[in-house]
N, C-alpha and C. Protein backbone atom coordinates (compact mmCIF):
# COMPACT_ATOMS: atom_id res chain seq x y z
N MET A 1 84.44 141.37 76.22
CA MET A 1 84.25 140.87 77.72
C MET A 1 84.51 139.22 77.56
N SER A 2 85.61 138.95 78.23
CA SER A 2 85.59 137.37 78.47
C SER A 2 85.16 136.68 79.57
N LEU A 3 84.39 135.39 79.39
CA LEU A 3 83.85 135.06 80.69
C LEU A 3 84.87 134.23 81.39
N ALA A 4 84.85 134.33 82.58
CA ALA A 4 85.90 134.00 83.75
C ALA A 4 85.26 132.65 83.97
N THR A 5 85.92 131.39 84.16
CA THR A 5 85.68 130.04 84.26
C THR A 5 86.58 129.45 85.28
N ARG A 6 86.49 128.34 85.83
CA ARG A 6 87.09 127.79 86.80
C ARG A 6 87.06 126.45 86.73
N GLU A 7 88.02 125.47 87.09
CA GLU A 7 87.90 124.20 87.05
C GLU A 7 86.86 123.62 87.76
N TYR A 8 86.14 122.76 87.09
CA TYR A 8 85.18 121.92 87.88
C TYR A 8 85.61 121.22 89.20
N ASP A 9 85.01 121.21 90.35
CA ASP A 9 85.56 120.53 91.55
C ASP A 9 84.10 120.07 91.92
N ALA A 10 84.18 118.53 91.91
CA ALA A 10 82.97 117.98 92.53
C ALA A 10 82.63 118.23 94.17
N ALA A 11 84.17 118.22 94.72
CA ALA A 11 84.04 118.73 96.01
C ALA A 11 83.00 119.65 96.52
N ARG A 12 82.88 120.79 95.60
CA ARG A 12 82.17 121.84 96.12
C ARG A 12 80.57 121.31 96.03
N TYR A 13 80.36 120.40 95.70
CA TYR A 13 78.76 119.95 95.63
C TYR A 13 78.57 118.89 96.40
N LEU A 14 79.30 118.17 97.08
CA LEU A 14 79.15 117.12 98.02
C LEU A 14 78.73 117.49 99.37
N ASP A 15 77.62 118.28 99.31
CA ASP A 15 77.23 118.95 100.61
C ASP A 15 75.97 118.19 101.49
N SER A 16 76.09 117.03 101.27
CA SER A 16 75.26 116.15 101.96
C SER A 16 75.64 114.66 102.10
N GLU A 17 75.44 113.93 103.04
CA GLU A 17 75.56 112.51 103.26
C GLU A 17 75.14 111.62 101.94
N GLU A 18 73.90 112.21 101.41
CA GLU A 18 73.07 111.50 100.73
C GLU A 18 74.15 111.62 99.16
N ALA A 19 74.63 112.92 98.94
CA ALA A 19 75.35 113.07 97.80
C ALA A 19 76.47 112.41 97.70
N ILE A 20 77.19 112.54 98.91
CA ILE A 20 78.47 111.83 99.04
C ILE A 20 78.15 110.15 99.02
N ALA A 21 76.94 109.52 99.49
CA ALA A 21 77.01 108.27 99.53
C ALA A 21 76.80 107.75 97.84
N ALA A 22 76.09 108.69 97.01
CA ALA A 22 75.85 108.24 95.74
C ALA A 22 77.05 108.59 94.98
N TYR A 23 78.01 109.36 95.39
CA TYR A 23 79.19 109.59 94.50
C TYR A 23 80.24 108.67 94.72
N VAL A 24 80.32 108.10 96.03
CA VAL A 24 81.04 106.86 96.19
C VAL A 24 80.41 105.47 95.50
N ALA A 25 79.15 105.58 95.71
CA ALA A 25 78.94 103.97 94.95
C ALA A 25 79.02 104.35 93.52
N ASP A 26 78.84 105.41 92.93
CA ASP A 26 79.20 105.38 91.47
C ASP A 26 80.55 105.30 91.11
N ALA A 27 81.44 105.41 91.97
CA ALA A 27 82.82 105.51 91.76
C ALA A 27 83.20 103.89 91.86
N THR A 28 82.64 103.17 92.85
CA THR A 28 82.86 101.79 93.30
C THR A 28 82.32 100.95 92.05
N GLU A 29 81.41 101.32 91.38
CA GLU A 29 80.68 100.38 90.46
C GLU A 29 81.55 100.02 89.29
N SER A 30 82.69 100.94 88.89
CA SER A 30 83.50 100.88 87.57
C SER A 30 84.49 99.68 88.27
N GLY A 31 84.89 99.35 89.56
CA GLY A 31 85.69 98.55 89.95
C GLY A 31 87.09 99.26 89.90
N ASP A 32 87.40 100.38 89.46
CA ASP A 32 88.81 100.87 88.95
C ASP A 32 89.14 101.51 90.51
N ALA A 33 90.46 100.79 90.52
CA ALA A 33 91.03 101.30 91.96
C ALA A 33 91.50 102.75 91.98
N ASN A 34 91.90 103.34 90.61
CA ASN A 34 92.20 104.64 90.80
C ASN A 34 91.01 105.44 90.69
N GLU A 35 89.90 105.15 90.01
CA GLU A 35 88.53 106.04 90.24
C GLU A 35 88.31 105.96 91.87
N LEU A 36 88.36 104.82 92.45
CA LEU A 36 87.87 104.93 93.79
C LEU A 36 88.89 105.71 94.54
N ALA A 37 89.95 105.65 94.47
CA ALA A 37 90.94 106.54 95.32
C ALA A 37 90.69 108.30 94.80
N HIS A 38 90.15 108.25 93.91
CA HIS A 38 90.15 109.59 93.33
C HIS A 38 88.89 110.07 94.02
N ALA A 39 87.82 109.40 94.00
CA ALA A 39 86.51 109.64 94.67
C ALA A 39 86.71 110.02 96.15
N LEU A 40 87.46 108.99 96.84
CA LEU A 40 87.79 109.07 98.29
C LEU A 40 88.40 110.53 98.36
N GLY A 41 89.25 111.09 97.52
CA GLY A 41 89.90 112.25 97.35
C GLY A 41 88.96 113.57 97.36
N VAL A 42 88.17 113.33 96.61
CA VAL A 42 87.12 114.32 96.50
C VAL A 42 86.07 114.38 97.73
N VAL A 43 85.75 113.28 98.17
CA VAL A 43 84.98 113.34 99.63
C VAL A 43 85.85 113.99 100.52
N ALA A 44 87.20 113.56 100.52
CA ALA A 44 88.06 114.03 101.76
C ALA A 44 88.08 115.41 101.81
N ARG A 45 88.37 116.26 100.35
CA ARG A 45 88.31 117.55 100.34
C ARG A 45 87.16 118.17 100.82
N ALA A 46 85.95 117.63 100.26
CA ALA A 46 84.58 118.06 100.80
C ALA A 46 84.43 117.99 102.25
N LYS A 47 84.77 117.24 102.95
CA LYS A 47 84.73 116.92 104.35
C LYS A 47 86.00 117.54 105.30
N GLY A 48 86.96 117.98 104.61
CA GLY A 48 88.00 118.48 105.16
C GLY A 48 89.17 117.73 105.42
N MET A 49 90.32 118.07 104.67
CA MET A 49 91.63 117.21 104.48
C MET A 49 92.28 117.16 105.82
N SER A 50 92.38 118.34 106.62
CA SER A 50 92.75 118.35 107.82
C SER A 50 92.23 117.38 108.89
N ASP A 51 90.98 117.36 108.76
CA ASP A 51 90.17 116.63 109.92
C ASP A 51 90.77 114.87 109.56
N LEU A 52 90.64 114.63 108.13
CA LEU A 52 90.95 113.30 107.67
C LEU A 52 92.33 112.88 108.07
N SER A 53 93.22 114.08 107.87
CA SER A 53 94.63 113.62 108.27
C SER A 53 94.77 113.07 110.01
N ARG A 54 93.97 113.92 110.65
CA ARG A 54 93.71 113.59 112.18
C ARG A 54 93.46 112.36 112.57
N GLN A 55 92.19 112.09 111.93
CA GLN A 55 91.67 110.69 111.93
C GLN A 55 92.44 109.55 111.35
N THR A 56 93.08 109.63 110.40
CA THR A 56 94.18 108.63 109.98
C THR A 56 95.31 108.36 110.35
N GLY A 57 95.89 109.46 110.68
CA GLY A 57 97.16 109.65 111.31
C GLY A 57 98.20 109.71 110.04
N LEU A 58 97.63 109.91 108.73
CA LEU A 58 98.33 110.11 107.76
C LEU A 58 98.62 111.97 107.50
N SER A 59 99.73 112.12 106.82
CA SER A 59 99.93 113.47 106.62
C SER A 59 99.07 113.94 105.47
N ARG A 60 98.80 115.14 105.56
CA ARG A 60 97.93 115.79 104.49
C ARG A 60 98.57 115.58 103.25
N GLN A 61 99.81 115.63 103.00
CA GLN A 61 100.71 115.60 101.60
C GLN A 61 100.40 113.93 101.35
N THR A 62 100.55 113.20 102.27
CA THR A 62 100.27 111.52 101.84
C THR A 62 99.01 111.52 101.33
N LEU A 63 98.03 112.11 101.99
CA LEU A 63 96.67 111.93 101.65
C LEU A 63 96.37 112.32 100.10
N TYR A 64 96.71 113.47 99.88
CA TYR A 64 96.89 114.05 98.42
C TYR A 64 97.22 113.23 97.60
N LYS A 65 98.66 112.82 97.80
CA LYS A 65 99.05 111.89 96.76
C LYS A 65 98.52 110.56 96.77
N ALA A 66 98.16 110.14 97.67
CA ALA A 66 97.39 108.70 97.41
C ALA A 66 96.07 109.00 97.02
N LEU A 67 95.64 109.86 97.21
CA LEU A 67 93.91 110.12 96.62
C LEU A 67 93.84 110.70 95.42
N ASN A 68 95.04 111.05 94.70
CA ASN A 68 94.77 111.79 93.42
C ASN A 68 94.27 111.17 92.27
N GLY A 69 94.07 109.76 92.40
CA GLY A 69 93.52 108.98 91.29
C GLY A 69 94.78 109.04 90.23
N GLU A 70 95.89 109.18 90.34
CA GLU A 70 96.92 108.93 89.74
C GLU A 70 98.17 107.80 90.16
N SER A 71 98.25 107.83 91.46
CA SER A 71 99.16 107.17 91.87
C SER A 71 98.39 105.76 92.25
N ASN A 72 99.14 104.88 93.01
CA ASN A 72 98.76 103.38 93.35
C ASN A 72 98.67 103.34 94.83
N PRO A 73 97.86 103.76 95.45
CA PRO A 73 97.85 103.53 97.04
C PRO A 73 97.78 102.19 97.48
N GLU A 74 98.34 102.10 98.68
CA GLU A 74 98.14 100.57 99.50
C GLU A 74 96.74 100.83 99.72
N LEU A 75 96.38 99.40 99.83
CA LEU A 75 95.33 99.01 100.21
C LEU A 75 94.83 99.38 101.64
N GLY A 76 96.28 99.48 102.45
CA GLY A 76 95.70 99.85 103.83
C GLY A 76 95.50 101.16 103.96
N THR A 77 95.92 102.05 103.18
CA THR A 77 95.46 103.64 102.96
C THR A 77 94.13 103.77 102.82
N ILE A 78 93.91 103.12 101.68
CA ILE A 78 92.47 103.15 101.39
C ILE A 78 91.65 102.73 102.27
N ALA A 79 91.99 101.70 103.20
CA ALA A 79 91.02 101.34 104.09
C ALA A 79 90.90 102.16 105.24
N LYS A 80 92.01 102.81 105.76
CA LYS A 80 92.04 104.05 106.85
C LYS A 80 91.45 105.06 106.24
N VAL A 81 91.42 105.54 105.09
CA VAL A 81 90.70 106.60 104.43
C VAL A 81 88.96 106.12 104.46
N ALA A 82 88.87 105.47 103.97
CA ALA A 82 87.37 104.80 103.92
C ALA A 82 86.62 104.66 105.57
N ASP A 83 87.47 104.00 106.17
CA ASP A 83 86.90 104.13 107.58
C ASP A 83 86.89 105.42 108.59
N ALA A 84 87.44 106.19 107.92
CA ALA A 84 87.72 107.57 108.61
C ALA A 84 86.16 108.36 108.07
N LEU A 85 86.08 108.22 106.93
CA LEU A 85 85.03 108.76 106.05
C LEU A 85 83.54 107.86 106.53
N GLY A 86 83.60 107.23 107.23
CA GLY A 86 82.30 106.32 107.45
C GLY A 86 81.90 105.40 106.75
N TYR A 87 82.99 104.57 105.85
CA TYR A 87 82.83 103.21 104.96
C TYR A 87 83.85 102.50 105.27
N ARG A 88 83.42 101.15 104.76
CA ARG A 88 84.33 99.94 105.18
C ARG A 88 84.58 98.92 103.70
N LEU A 89 85.63 98.69 103.50
CA LEU A 89 85.84 97.84 102.13
C LEU A 89 85.22 96.53 102.38
N SER A 90 84.73 95.91 101.24
CA SER A 90 84.29 94.59 101.41
C SER A 90 84.26 94.02 99.66
N LEU A 91 84.48 92.81 99.59
CA LEU A 91 84.42 92.16 98.29
C LEU A 91 83.10 91.53 98.12
N VAL A 92 82.78 91.59 96.88
CA VAL A 92 81.49 91.17 96.79
C VAL A 92 81.64 89.92 95.32
N ALA A 93 80.99 88.87 95.75
CA ALA A 93 81.16 88.15 94.37
C ALA A 93 80.26 88.61 93.31
N LYS A 94 81.13 88.51 92.00
CA LYS A 94 80.37 88.87 90.84
C LYS A 94 79.28 88.33 90.29
N THR A 95 79.18 87.06 90.93
CA THR A 95 78.06 86.30 90.39
C THR A 95 77.38 85.77 91.68
N LYS A 96 76.15 85.41 91.67
CA LYS A 96 75.30 84.98 92.73
C LYS A 96 75.64 83.52 93.07
N THR A 97 76.45 83.08 93.65
CA THR A 97 76.80 81.68 94.17
C THR A 97 76.32 81.48 95.56
N THR A 98 75.40 80.64 95.91
CA THR A 98 75.19 80.37 97.12
C THR A 98 76.13 79.33 97.73
N SER A 99 76.24 79.31 98.98
CA SER A 99 77.19 78.36 100.16
C SER A 99 77.16 77.06 99.53
N SER A 100 75.81 76.55 99.01
CA SER A 100 75.56 75.33 99.20
C SER A 100 76.09 74.80 97.74
N GLU A 101 76.22 75.63 96.87
CA GLU A 101 76.57 75.25 95.38
C GLU A 101 78.08 75.39 95.65
N ILE A 102 78.63 76.16 96.40
CA ILE A 102 80.20 75.96 96.67
C ILE A 102 80.56 74.86 97.27
N ILE A 103 79.97 74.39 98.35
CA ILE A 103 80.23 73.17 98.84
C ILE A 103 80.19 72.03 97.85
N LYS A 104 78.98 71.72 97.14
CA LYS A 104 78.67 70.76 96.14
C LYS A 104 79.93 70.74 95.09
N SER A 105 80.46 71.90 94.84
CA SER A 105 81.53 72.08 93.79
C SER A 105 82.98 71.35 94.11
N LEU A 106 83.02 71.28 95.51
CA LEU A 106 84.23 70.83 96.22
C LEU A 106 84.02 69.31 96.06
């Protein structure tokens, strides 16, 4: 008797906003754009790609392609998807530099 298995899909386990937030936070830690795109794709599948398509104005095909983690999606696409999923993109300095330190260095 063989054991039936299926491919792991994280989208099946993102069943709460807390789980989704933790998953997205983990994906952003690496700084890898493809990892972030893939994570947003997983969240999109968990929440419903059709709804996301309506909210962003992007076709499902475009979303699947952009969020597969292998393509190089445009920043505007990632921003639209993040916004529709309840997130916003932001840049954070790698080092803690105060504004007064920046002004002194000028």
